[in-house]
Amino acid sequence: MNLAERIKNARTNKHYTQKELAELLNVKSTTVSGWELGRNEPSIETLKTLAQKLNVSFDYLAGVNGQAQNSDTALTWSDLDMPMPYGGKLPDELKSTYADIAKGYFKRHPEYLNKD
């Protein structure tokens, strides 16, 4: 998978449109389209921001690691037998709260961390 495919894959996994991602990055949607078509590439700084906004590792986007941070074993709302809140998109102001909850859980239950 090349950079263009990894960007598109990460974007679609987050259920962002090209326009939504462009707005998050403060670029034009044609810029995102160009990245996904392989016509141009983002700068290193933009790649770092992309990784942050798409919740994948920089290494994944850069092609160093072939697997995104989220794997097939990632916990989903259906695993919790709950409806997906916020229309499937977690608001930015709640991301740190959910991250804190997950960190606290794995501190108490390290046996479940990185479990296959």
Protein backbone atom coordinates (compact mmCIF):
# COMPACT_ATOMS: atom_id res chain seq x y z
CA MET A 1 0.00 0.00 0.00
CA ASN A 2 1.42 3.41 -0.93
CA LEU A 3 1.05 6.76 0.87
CA ALA A 4 -2.01 7.78 -1.17
CA GLU A 5 -3.79 4.53 -0.33
CA ARG A 6 -2.84 4.75 3.37
CA ILE A 7 -4.21 8.29 3.64
CA LYS A 8 -7.47 7.32 1.94
CA ASN A 9 -7.77 4.15 4.03
CA ALA A 10 -7.23 6.03 7.29
CA ARG A 11 -9.70 8.76 6.24
CA THR A 12 -12.44 6.33 5.28
CA ASN A 13 -11.91 4.32 8.48
CA LYS A 14 -12.68 7.51 10.42
CA HIS A 15 -15.74 8.08 8.20
CA TYR A 16 -14.49 11.50 7.11
CA THR A 17 -15.22 12.90 3.69
CA GLN A 18 -12.34 14.57 1.88
CA LYS A 19 -14.00 17.90 2.65
CA GLU A 20 -14.26 17.14 6.38
CA LEU A 21 -10.61 16.11 6.56
CA ALA A 22 -9.58 19.20 4.61
CA GLU A 23 -11.45 21.39 7.10
CA LEU A 24 -9.71 19.65 10.04
CA LEU A 25 -6.34 20.30 8.41
CA ASN A 26 -7.18 23.80 7.19
CA VAL A 27 -6.44 22.88 3.55
CA LYS A 28 -8.57 22.71 0.42
CA SER A 29 -10.46 19.51 -0.37
CA THR A 30 -8.59 19.40 -3.69
CA THR A 31 -5.38 19.10 -1.67
CA VAL A 32 -6.68 16.00 0.11
CA SER A 33 -7.88 14.63 -3.22
CA GLY A 34 -4.41 15.18 -4.69
CA TRP A 35 -2.82 13.25 -1.83
CA GLU A 36 -5.22 10.35 -2.27
CA LEU A 37 -4.65 10.26 -6.02
CA GLY A 38 -0.87 10.35 -5.55
CA ARG A 39 -0.55 13.64 -7.45
CA ASN A 40 1.23 15.29 -4.54
CA GLU A 41 2.30 14.45 -0.99
CA PRO A 42 1.84 16.24 2.32
CA SER A 43 4.81 17.77 4.11
CA ILE A 44 6.27 15.95 7.11
CA GLU A 45 4.52 18.41 9.45
CA THR A 46 1.20 17.85 7.69
CA LEU A 47 1.77 14.09 7.80
CA LYS A 48 2.20 14.34 11.58
CA THR A 49 -1.05 16.30 11.86
CA LEU A 50 -2.79 13.83 9.54
CA ALA A 51 -1.72 10.93 11.77
CA GLN A 52 -3.09 12.77 14.80
CA LYS A 53 -6.42 13.68 13.21
CA LEU A 54 -6.92 10.22 11.71
CA ASN A 55 -5.83 8.41 14.88
CA VAL A 56 -3.16 6.35 13.16
CA SER A 57 0.56 6.23 13.77
CA PHE A 58 2.95 8.41 11.81
CA ASP A 59 4.86 5.21 11.00
CA TYR A 60 1.77 3.75 9.36
CA LEU A 61 1.22 6.78 7.12
CA ALA A 62 4.94 6.97 6.29
CA GLY A 63 4.99 3.28 5.36
CA VAL A 64 7.38 2.24 8.13
CA ASN A 65 4.77 0.03 9.78
CA GLY A 66 2.22 -1.73 7.59
CA GLN A 67 -0.55 -1.68 10.19
CA ALA A 68 -2.55 1.30 11.38
CA GLN A 69 -2.80 1.90 15.10
CA ASN A 70 -6.34 0.53 15.05
CA SER A 71 -6.30 -3.15 14.18
CA ASP A 72 -8.97 -5.74 13.48
CA THR A 73 -8.98 -6.51 17.20
CA ALA A 74 -9.95 -2.95 18.16
CA LEU A 75 -12.94 -2.61 20.45
CA THR A 76 -16.09 -1.41 18.70
CA TRP A 77 -19.44 -0.14 19.95
CA SER A 78 -21.06 -3.35 18.74
CA ASP A 79 -18.69 -5.28 21.04
CA LEU A 80 -20.18 -3.30 23.92
CA ASP A 81 -23.72 -4.03 22.74
CA MET A 82 -24.43 -0.29 22.70
CA PRO A 83 -25.69 2.11 20.07
CA MET A 84 -22.95 4.26 18.56
CA PRO A 85 -23.16 7.76 20.06
CA TYR A 86 -22.44 11.05 18.31
CA GLY A 87 -23.33 9.65 14.90
CA GLY A 88 -20.13 7.59 14.92
CA LYS A 89 -17.85 10.63 15.24
CA LEU A 90 -16.46 11.35 18.67
CA PRO A 91 -16.38 15.12 19.28
CA ASP A 92 -12.86 16.50 19.73
CA GLU A 93 -13.70 17.82 23.19
CA LEU A 94 -14.50 14.27 24.39
CA LYS A 95 -11.51 12.43 22.90
CA SER A 96 -9.22 13.08 25.86
CA THR A 97 -11.96 11.96 28.27
CA TYR A 98 -12.38 8.65 26.46
CA ALA A 99 -8.60 8.24 26.25
CA ASP A 100 -8.31 8.79 30.03
CA ILE A 101 -11.00 6.17 30.66
CA ALA A 102 -9.17 3.65 28.46
CA LYS A 103 -5.80 4.38 30.09
CA GLY A 104 -7.30 3.92 33.55
CA TYR A 105 -8.86 0.63 32.54
CA PHE A 106 -5.64 -0.77 31.10
CA LYS A 107 -3.67 0.32 34.18
CA ARG A 108 -6.04 -1.82 36.25
CA HIS A 109 -6.18 -4.64 33.67
CA PRO A 110 -2.83 -4.79 31.85
CA GLU A 111 -3.50 -8.43 30.96
CA TYR A 112 -5.92 -7.21 28.24
CA LEU A 113 -3.46 -4.79 26.65
CA ASN A 114 -2.14 -6.01 23.27
CA LYS A 115 -4.05 -9.25 23.64
CA ASP A 116 -4.71 -11.14 20.40
